[in-house]
Amino acid sequence: MYEEEAENLPQRKRRSDSGPRLIERDLAALRWIAQQCAIRLDHLCILLARLTPAGEYVKTPKEAGRLTEKRVMAVTRRWEALGLIEKRWMLVGAPPGC
């Protein structure tokens, strides 16, 4: 019954502003990375933590002054989806960088 009702509903138009978005922290980090030409993932964890205002953490970071690699990987995936960065290995065995 619910499936029939769902089929009869009009399709919602996709919002023009849907998808990945940049925040001020992202813009500041991308400017810094552009000046340096690259950054390692472990250093990006520190940079993003420094650029994030203290009250804007969704939850308290596990390590003070550093975002987790999981969180930073989510940020870099968003940047990749927007075509702003590409990740590459700098050295064998080292963390990937942007």
Protein backbone atom coordinates (compact mmCIF):
# COMPACT_ATOMS: atom_id res chain seq x y z
CA MET A 1 0.00 0.00 0.00
CA TYR A 2 2.75 2.46 0.89
CA GLU A 3 4.62 1.70 -2.32
CA GLU A 4 1.55 2.65 -4.39
CA GLU A 5 1.21 5.94 -2.52
CA ALA A 6 4.91 6.69 -2.98
CA GLU A 7 4.64 6.10 -6.74
CA ASN A 8 1.82 8.65 -7.00
CA LEU A 9 3.78 11.43 -5.26
CA PRO A 10 5.39 14.01 -7.55
CA GLN A 11 9.20 13.78 -7.80
CA ARG A 12 11.01 16.48 -5.86
CA LYS A 13 13.24 18.76 -7.85
CA ARG A 14 16.92 18.56 -6.87
CA ARG A 15 18.13 21.67 -5.08
CA SER A 16 20.73 23.69 -6.96
CA ASP A 17 22.86 23.99 -3.81
CA SER A 18 22.82 20.28 -2.95
CA GLY A 19 26.03 18.30 -2.75
CA PRO A 20 29.38 18.92 -1.06
CA ARG A 21 29.93 22.41 0.33
CA LEU A 22 32.94 24.35 1.50
CA ILE A 23 33.13 26.11 4.83
CA GLU A 24 35.51 28.92 5.81
CA ARG A 25 37.89 26.41 7.41
CA ASP A 26 38.10 24.51 4.11
CA LEU A 27 38.91 27.66 2.16
CA ALA A 28 41.65 28.65 4.62
CA ALA A 29 43.15 25.14 4.52
CA LEU A 30 43.03 25.01 0.71
CA ARG A 31 44.78 28.40 0.50
CA TRP A 32 47.52 27.16 2.84
CA ILE A 33 47.93 23.91 0.89
CA ALA A 34 48.12 25.84 -2.41
CA GLN A 35 50.93 28.00 -1.01
CA GLN A 36 52.85 24.90 0.10
CA CYS A 37 51.94 22.88 -3.06
CA ALA A 38 51.19 19.75 -0.98
CA ILE A 39 50.46 18.44 2.52
CA ARG A 40 50.71 15.05 4.17
CA LEU A 41 47.57 13.57 5.69
CA ASP A 42 48.97 13.57 9.24
CA HIS A 43 49.83 17.27 8.92
CA LEU A 44 46.38 18.00 7.48
CA CYS A 45 44.87 16.51 10.67
CA ILE A 46 46.72 19.19 12.66
CA LEU A 47 46.04 22.04 10.22
CA LEU A 48 42.28 21.42 10.11
CA ALA A 49 42.14 21.18 13.92
CA ARG A 50 43.90 24.54 14.22
CA LEU A 51 41.55 26.15 11.70
CA THR A 52 38.38 24.79 13.34
CA PRO A 53 36.98 27.12 16.03
CA ALA A 54 36.82 25.33 19.40
CA GLY A 55 33.02 25.49 19.72
CA GLU A 56 32.41 24.00 16.26
CA TYR A 57 33.51 20.43 16.95
CA VAL A 58 30.61 18.00 16.67
CA LYS A 59 32.29 15.99 19.40
CA THR A 60 35.48 16.42 21.36
CA PRO A 61 38.55 15.33 19.39
CA LYS A 62 40.26 12.15 20.60
CA GLU A 63 43.59 13.95 20.63
CA ALA A 64 43.87 17.66 21.45
CA GLY A 65 44.96 19.79 18.50
CA ARG A 66 44.40 17.04 15.94
CA LEU A 67 41.41 15.71 14.01
CA THR A 68 41.19 11.98 13.42
CA GLU A 69 42.38 10.58 10.10
CA LYS A 70 38.86 9.22 9.52
CA ARG A 71 37.39 12.72 9.78
CA VAL A 72 40.12 14.26 7.61
CA MET A 73 39.64 11.56 4.96
CA ALA A 74 35.96 12.53 4.81
CA VAL A 75 36.98 16.16 4.26
CA THR A 76 39.47 15.22 1.53
CA ARG A 77 36.84 13.03 -0.20
CA ARG A 78 34.53 16.06 -0.26
CA TRP A 79 37.33 18.21 -1.75
CA GLU A 80 38.06 15.51 -4.34
CA ALA A 81 34.37 15.34 -5.29
CA LEU A 82 34.49 19.07 -5.94
CA GLY A 83 37.64 18.67 -8.06
CA LEU A 84 39.74 20.84 -5.74
CA ILE A 85 42.46 18.32 -4.88
CA GLU A 86 43.93 15.04 -5.94
CA LYS A 87 45.57 12.63 -3.52
CA ARG A 88 48.87 10.98 -4.31
CA TRP A 89 51.51 8.98 -2.50
CA MET A 90 54.59 11.11 -1.87
CA LEU A 91 56.87 8.38 -0.50
CA VAL A 92 56.40 4.64 -0.29
CA GLY A 93 55.11 3.73 3.16
CA ALA A 94 54.31 7.36 4.08
CA PRO A 95 50.72 8.61 4.57
CA PRO A 96 49.04 9.88 1.38
CA GLY A 97 48.95 13.62 0.79
CA CYS A 98 47.01 16.19 -1.18
